[in-house]
Amino acid sequence: MPREKILKTAVSFFARYGIKGVSMNQIATALQMSKKTLYAEFENKEDMLLECLRYEKLRMEKVIEKTEQEAQNPLEALILGLSNMYHYRSSFCPAFFRDVEKYMEAQDMVQASKIRMHNLYMKYFKQGIEEGYFQPNYEYEAIASLFTEQLGDWDNLQQPYLILTFLRGVCTEKGVEVLNHFTPMKMQL
């Protein structure tokens, strides 16, 4: 069985039930394979979890690359990127992120992902300032941190409005023109 299929199945189980709520036996059964065969591929559930996180990192890098290719400017890349990340993170149940804290290496990988997203948002802000979409006199490090942390707030249905309002406050007229093409529904948050 292709390793990618195993990882996709494991990710879907971890996302739906959390790490603690999933057994290797459940994954093996879903894949119609023996638990022994699964253990031949992965030493234990933590090993599988780490491979799943690596697989998801690569998948998200492809999504980011595609978003950047499709975006017309840094502001649009930021909005589309935030939308994609919100959708991605909201596909994981809160139990997953609570459970991941019990696995040091996995927790480090999740934290590294947050840092990568923060840096990506900073790249868009810097490009946006240079291209005249964002005003230069704001503390964009703090805004990027806020956006990164907001992604973990699954219960906040007002996120699209908060993000667009925040962006409106730091955009130039040129940026506001771009922003006016996005509504919370278009962001699909």
C-alpha atoms as a PDB file:
ATOM      1  CA  MET A   1       0.000   0.000   0.000  1.00  0.00           C
ATOM      2  CA  PRO A   2       1.389   3.441  -0.869  1.00  0.00           C
ATOM      3  CA  ARG A   3       2.772   5.299   2.147  1.00  0.00           C
ATOM      4  CA  GLU A   4       0.902   8.444   1.074  1.00  0.00           C
ATOM      5  CA  LYS A   5      -2.450   6.650   1.431  1.00  0.00           C
ATOM      6  CA  ILE A   6      -1.502   5.546   4.947  1.00  0.00           C
ATOM      7  CA  LEU A   7      -0.505   9.092   5.891  1.00  0.00           C
ATOM      8  CA  LYS A   8      -3.673  10.619   4.414  1.00  0.00           C
ATOM      9  CA  THR A   9      -5.803   8.164   6.356  1.00  0.00           C
ATOM     10  CA  ALA A  10      -3.903   8.747   9.587  1.00  0.00           C
ATOM     11  CA  VAL A  11      -4.123  12.540   9.183  1.00  0.00           C
ATOM     12  CA  SER A  12      -7.873  12.344   8.626  1.00  0.00           C
ATOM     13  CA  PHE A  13      -8.297  10.236  11.775  1.00  0.00           C
ATOM     14  CA  PHE A  14      -6.039  12.499  13.884  1.00  0.00           C
ATOM     15  CA  ALA A  15      -7.835  15.581  12.552  1.00  0.00           C
ATOM     16  CA  ARG A  16     -11.276  14.193  13.346  1.00  0.00           C
ATOM     17  CA  TYR A  17     -10.664  12.461  16.689  1.00  0.00           C
ATOM     18  CA  GLY A  18      -7.418  13.899  18.048  1.00  0.00           C
ATOM     19  CA  ILE A  19      -4.269  11.864  18.553  1.00  0.00           C
ATOM     20  CA  LYS A  20      -5.340  10.234  21.788  1.00  0.00           C
ATOM     21  CA  GLY A  21      -8.683   9.236  20.252  1.00  0.00           C
ATOM     22  CA  VAL A  22      -7.077   7.146  17.495  1.00  0.00           C
ATOM     23  CA  SER A  23      -5.413   3.762  17.718  1.00  0.00           C
ATOM     24  CA  MET A  24      -3.067   2.111  15.278  1.00  0.00           C
ATOM     25  CA  ASN A  25      -5.650  -0.676  15.041  1.00  0.00           C
ATOM     26  CA  GLN A  26      -8.330   1.798  13.844  1.00  0.00           C
ATOM     27  CA  ILE A  27      -6.015   3.091  11.133  1.00  0.00           C
ATOM     28  CA  ALA A  28      -5.031  -0.431  10.067  1.00  0.00           C
ATOM     29  CA  THR A  29      -8.690  -1.471   9.929  1.00  0.00           C
ATOM     30  CA  ALA A  30      -9.632   1.577   7.847  1.00  0.00           C
ATOM     31  CA  LEU A  31      -6.820   0.721   5.439  1.00  0.00           C
ATOM     32  CA  GLN A  32      -7.811  -2.961   5.391  1.00  0.00           C
ATOM     33  CA  MET A  33      -4.348  -4.000   6.457  1.00  0.00           C
ATOM     34  CA  SER A  34      -3.015  -5.825   9.470  1.00  0.00           C
ATOM     35  CA  LYS A  35      -1.736  -3.941  12.464  1.00  0.00           C
ATOM     36  CA  LYS A  36       1.530  -5.869  12.030  1.00  0.00           C
ATOM     37  CA  THR A  37       1.925  -4.458   8.504  1.00  0.00           C
ATOM     38  CA  LEU A  38       1.264  -0.951   9.799  1.00  0.00           C
ATOM     39  CA  TYR A  39       3.868  -1.399  12.550  1.00  0.00           C
ATOM     40  CA  ALA A  40       6.349  -2.562   9.912  1.00  0.00           C
ATOM     41  CA  GLU A  41       5.909   0.865   8.292  1.00  0.00           C
ATOM     42  CA  PHE A  42       5.774   2.952  11.500  1.00  0.00           C
ATOM     43  CA  GLU A  43       7.456   2.110  14.791  1.00  0.00           C
ATOM     44  CA  ASN A  44       4.584   3.491  16.877  1.00  0.00           C
ATOM     45  CA  LYS A  45       1.803   6.084  16.848  1.00  0.00           C
ATOM     46  CA  GLU A  46       4.220   8.918  17.617  1.00  0.00           C
ATOM     47  CA  ASP A  47       6.390   7.933  14.643  1.00  0.00           C
ATOM     48  CA  MET A  48       3.273   7.950  12.466  1.00  0.00           C
ATOM     49  CA  LEU A  49       2.226  11.331  13.867  1.00  0.00           C
ATOM     50  CA  LEU A  50       5.609  12.863  13.039  1.00  0.00           C
ATOM     51  CA  GLU A  51       5.458  11.484   9.494  1.00  0.00           C
ATOM     52  CA  CYS A  52       1.929  12.872   9.162  1.00  0.00           C
ATOM     53  CA  LEU A  53       3.135  16.314  10.241  1.00  0.00           C
ATOM     54  CA  ARG A  54       5.993  16.195   7.721  1.00  0.00           C
ATOM     55  CA  TYR A  55       3.559  15.133   5.012  1.00  0.00           C
ATOM     56  CA  GLU A  56       1.172  17.966   5.906  1.00  0.00           C
ATOM     57  CA  LYS A  57       4.024  20.493   5.913  1.00  0.00           C
ATOM     58  CA  LEU A  58       4.860  19.575   2.329  1.00  0.00           C
ATOM     59  CA  ARG A  59       1.200  19.712   1.359  1.00  0.00           C
ATOM     60  CA  MET A  60       0.806  23.181   2.870  1.00  0.00           C
ATOM     61  CA  GLU A  61       3.949  24.410   1.116  1.00  0.00           C
ATOM     62  CA  LYS A  62       2.313  23.456  -2.196  1.00  0.00           C
ATOM     63  CA  VAL A  63      -0.869  25.331  -1.227  1.00  0.00           C
ATOM     64  CA  ILE A  64       1.167  28.422  -0.328  1.00  0.00           C
ATOM     65  CA  GLU A  65       3.101  28.220  -3.602  1.00  0.00           C
ATOM     66  CA  LYS A  66      -0.142  27.944  -5.590  1.00  0.00           C
ATOM     67  CA  THR A  67      -1.690  30.846  -3.664  1.00  0.00           C
ATOM     68  CA  GLU A  68       1.324  33.042  -4.365  1.00  0.00           C
ATOM     69  CA  GLN A  69       1.176  32.202  -8.065  1.00  0.00           C
ATOM     70  CA  GLU A  70      -2.531  33.067  -8.250  1.00  0.00           C
ATOM     71  CA  ALA A  71      -2.396  36.251  -6.153  1.00  0.00           C
ATOM     72  CA  GLN A  72      -2.130  39.548  -8.000  1.00  0.00           C
ATOM     73  CA  ASN A  73      -0.333  41.351  -5.155  1.00  0.00           C
ATOM     74  CA  PRO A  74       0.963  40.817  -1.596  1.00  0.00           C
ATOM     75  CA  LEU A  75      -2.321  41.906   0.012  1.00  0.00           C
ATOM     76  CA  GLU A  76      -4.274  39.366  -1.987  1.00  0.00           C
ATOM     77  CA  ALA A  77      -1.666  36.692  -1.170  1.00  0.00           C
ATOM     78  CA  LEU A  78      -2.050  37.532   2.521  1.00  0.00           C
ATOM     79  CA  ILE A  79      -5.847  37.346   2.455  1.00  0.00           C
ATOM     80  CA  LEU A  80      -5.923  34.118   0.456  1.00  0.00           C
ATOM     81  CA  GLY A  81      -3.184  32.643   2.635  1.00  0.00           C
ATOM     82  CA  LEU A  82      -5.076  33.499   5.818  1.00  0.00           C
ATOM     83  CA  SER A  83      -8.221  31.986   4.364  1.00  0.00           C
ATOM     84  CA  ASN A  84      -6.415  28.791   3.363  1.00  0.00           C
ATOM     85  CA  MET A  85      -4.754  28.456   6.763  1.00  0.00           C
ATOM     86  CA  TYR A  86      -7.985  29.053   8.625  1.00  0.00           C
ATOM     87  CA  HIS A  87      -9.713  26.341   6.598  1.00  0.00           C
ATOM     88  CA  TYR A  88      -6.814  23.992   7.100  1.00  0.00           C
ATOM     89  CA  ARG A  89      -6.556  24.483  10.856  1.00  0.00           C
ATOM     90  CA  SER A  90     -10.308  24.347  11.332  1.00  0.00           C
ATOM     91  CA  SER A  91     -10.327  20.866   9.776  1.00  0.00           C
ATOM     92  CA  PHE A  92      -8.516  19.667  12.912  1.00  0.00           C
ATOM     93  CA  CYS A  93     -10.538  19.156  16.078  1.00  0.00           C
ATOM     94  CA  PRO A  94      -9.379  21.038  19.190  1.00  0.00           C
ATOM     95  CA  ALA A  95      -8.408  17.695  20.769  1.00  0.00           C
ATOM     96  CA  PHE A  96      -5.645  17.306  18.181  1.00  0.00           C
ATOM     97  CA  PHE A  97      -3.872  20.451  19.356  1.00  0.00           C
ATOM     98  CA  ARG A  98      -4.340  19.523  23.022  1.00  0.00           C
ATOM     99  CA  ASP A  99      -3.013  16.029  22.362  1.00  0.00           C
ATOM    100  CA  VAL A 100      -0.020  17.194  20.337  1.00  0.00           C
ATOM    101  CA  GLU A 101       1.321  18.908  23.475  1.00  0.00           C
ATOM    102  CA  LYS A 102       2.085  15.435  24.866  1.00  0.00           C
ATOM    103  CA  TYR A 103       4.552  14.761  22.039  1.00  0.00           C
ATOM    104  CA  MET A 104       7.576  17.047  22.314  1.00  0.00           C
ATOM    105  CA  GLU A 105       8.876  16.635  18.759  1.00  0.00           C
ATOM    106  CA  ALA A 106       5.380  17.011  17.277  1.00  0.00           C
ATOM    107  CA  GLN A 107       4.760  20.090  19.408  1.00  0.00           C
ATOM    108  CA  ASP A 108       8.032  21.555  18.128  1.00  0.00           C
ATOM    109  CA  MET A 109       6.896  20.884  14.553  1.00  0.00           C
ATOM    110  CA  VAL A 110       3.555  22.635  15.148  1.00  0.00           C
ATOM    111  CA  GLN A 111       5.383  25.589  16.713  1.00  0.00           C
ATOM    112  CA  ALA A 112       7.785  25.715  13.758  1.00  0.00           C
ATOM    113  CA  SER A 113       4.758  25.833  11.461  1.00  0.00           C
ATOM    114  CA  LYS A 114       3.411  28.847  13.343  1.00  0.00           C
ATOM    115  CA  ILE A 115       6.775  30.564  12.997  1.00  0.00           C
ATOM    116  CA  ARG A 116       6.825  29.844   9.244  1.00  0.00           C
ATOM    117  CA  MET A 117       3.340  31.333   8.892  1.00  0.00           C
ATOM    118  CA  HIS A 118       4.333  34.411  10.900  1.00  0.00           C
ATOM    119  CA  ASN A 119       7.361  34.893   8.648  1.00  0.00           C
ATOM    120  CA  LEU A 120       5.225  34.428   5.544  1.00  0.00           C
ATOM    121  CA  TYR A 121       2.786  37.099   6.736  1.00  0.00           C
ATOM    122  CA  MET A 122       5.726  39.417   7.434  1.00  0.00           C
ATOM    123  CA  LYS A 123       6.994  38.836   3.885  1.00  0.00           C
ATOM    124  CA  TYR A 124       3.592  39.894   2.525  1.00  0.00           C
ATOM    125  CA  PHE A 125       3.491  42.963   4.771  1.00  0.00           C
ATOM    126  CA  LYS A 126       7.002  44.035   3.718  1.00  0.00           C
ATOM    127  CA  GLN A 127       6.224  43.537   0.025  1.00  0.00           C
ATOM    128  CA  GLY A 128       2.911  45.302   0.506  1.00  0.00           C
ATOM    129  CA  ILE A 129       4.615  48.320   2.078  1.00  0.00           C
ATOM    130  CA  GLU A 130       7.121  48.463  -0.796  1.00  0.00           C
ATOM    131  CA  GLU A 131       4.338  48.212  -3.379  1.00  0.00           C
ATOM    132  CA  GLY A 132       2.101  50.764  -1.650  1.00  0.00           C
ATOM    133  CA  TYR A 133      -0.647  48.472  -0.294  1.00  0.00           C
ATOM    134  CA  PHE A 134       0.191  48.897   3.409  1.00  0.00           C
ATOM    135  CA  GLN A 135       1.046  51.985   5.402  1.00  0.00           C
ATOM    136  CA  PRO A 136       4.635  51.864   6.657  1.00  0.00           C
ATOM    137  CA  ASN A 137       4.130  53.130  10.216  1.00  0.00           C
ATOM    138  CA  TYR A 138       2.620  50.106  11.952  1.00  0.00           C
ATOM    139  CA  GLU A 139       4.025  47.299  14.068  1.00  0.00           C
ATOM    140  CA  TYR A 140       3.560  44.498  11.571  1.00  0.00           C
ATOM    141  CA  GLU A 141       5.379  41.922  13.727  1.00  0.00           C
ATOM    142  CA  ALA A 142       2.562  42.215  16.264  1.00  0.00           C
ATOM    143  CA  ILE A 143      -0.110  42.029  13.554  1.00  0.00           C
ATOM    144  CA  ALA A 144       1.505  38.922  12.029  1.00  0.00           C
ATOM    145  CA  SER A 145       1.600  37.345  15.508  1.00  0.00           C
ATOM    146  CA  LEU A 146      -2.050  38.194  16.064  1.00  0.00           C
ATOM    147  CA  PHE A 147      -3.051  36.635  12.738  1.00  0.00           C
ATOM    148  CA  THR A 148      -1.013  33.515  13.509  1.00  0.00           C
ATOM    149  CA  GLU A 149      -2.674  33.093  16.897  1.00  0.00           C
ATOM    150  CA  GLN A 150      -6.154  33.843  15.539  1.00  0.00           C
ATOM    151  CA  LEU A 151      -5.906  30.777  13.319  1.00  0.00           C
ATOM    152  CA  GLY A 152      -6.183  28.560  16.373  1.00  0.00           C
ATOM    153  CA  ASP A 153      -9.439  30.136  17.548  1.00  0.00           C
ATOM    154  CA  TRP A 154     -11.946  27.669  16.040  1.00  0.00           C
ATOM    155  CA  ASP A 155     -14.964  29.040  17.872  1.00  0.00           C
ATOM    156  CA  ASN A 156     -14.614  32.623  16.651  1.00  0.00           C
ATOM    157  CA  LEU A 157     -17.053  32.972  13.772  1.00  0.00           C
ATOM    158  CA  GLN A 158     -16.206  36.674  13.571  1.00  0.00           C
ATOM    159  CA  GLN A 159     -12.652  36.007  12.363  1.00  0.00           C
ATOM    160  CA  PRO A 160     -13.239  37.100   8.752  1.00  0.00           C
ATOM    161  CA  TYR A 161     -14.646  40.401   9.951  1.00  0.00           C
ATOM    162  CA  LEU A 162     -11.825  40.916  12.445  1.00  0.00           C
ATOM    163  CA  ILE A 163      -9.141  40.182   9.877  1.00  0.00           C
ATOM    164  CA  LEU A 164     -10.660  42.402   7.192  1.00  0.00           C
ATOM    165  CA  THR A 165     -11.221  45.220   9.704  1.00  0.00           C
ATOM    166  CA  PHE A 166      -7.659  44.935  10.929  1.00  0.00           C
ATOM    167  CA  LEU A 167      -6.289  44.980   7.402  1.00  0.00           C
ATOM    168  CA  ARG A 168      -8.471  47.939   6.449  1.00  0.00           C
ATOM    169  CA  GLY A 169      -6.834  49.905   9.260  1.00  0.00           C
ATOM    170  CA  VAL A 170      -3.306  49.387   7.932  1.00  0.00           C
ATOM    171  CA  CYS A 171      -3.987  49.598   4.185  1.00  0.00           C
ATOM    172  CA  THR A 172      -3.313  52.574   1.987  1.00  0.00           C
ATOM    173  CA  GLU A 173      -6.004  53.725  -0.456  1.00  0.00           C
ATOM    174  CA  LYS A 174      -4.504  51.364  -3.004  1.00  0.00           C
ATOM    175  CA  GLY A 175      -4.789  48.526  -0.476  1.00  0.00           C
ATOM    176  CA  VAL A 176      -8.367  49.417   0.439  1.00  0.00           C
ATOM    177  CA  GLU A 177      -9.315  49.141  -3.247  1.00  0.00           C
ATOM    178  CA  VAL A 178      -8.002  45.557  -3.260  1.00  0.00           C
ATOM    179  CA  LEU A 179      -9.598  44.832   0.105  1.00  0.00           C
ATOM    180  CA  ASN A 180     -12.997  46.016  -1.132  1.00  0.00           C
ATOM    181  CA  HIS A 181     -13.071  43.023  -3.475  1.00  0.00           C
ATOM    182  CA  PHE A 182     -12.978  40.669  -0.506  1.00  0.00           C
ATOM    183  CA  THR A 183     -15.879  40.052   1.793  1.00  0.00           C
ATOM    184  CA  PRO A 184     -15.931  37.542   4.613  1.00  0.00           C
ATOM    185  CA  MET A 185     -17.891  35.210   2.325  1.00  0.00           C
ATOM    186  CA  LYS A 186     -15.311  35.524  -0.456  1.00  0.00           C
ATOM    187  CA  MET A 187     -12.593  34.745   2.066  1.00  0.00           C
ATOM    188  CA  GLN A 188     -14.617  31.624   2.899  1.00  0.00           C
ATOM    189  CA  LEU A 189     -13.472  31.761   6.493  1.00  0.00           C
END
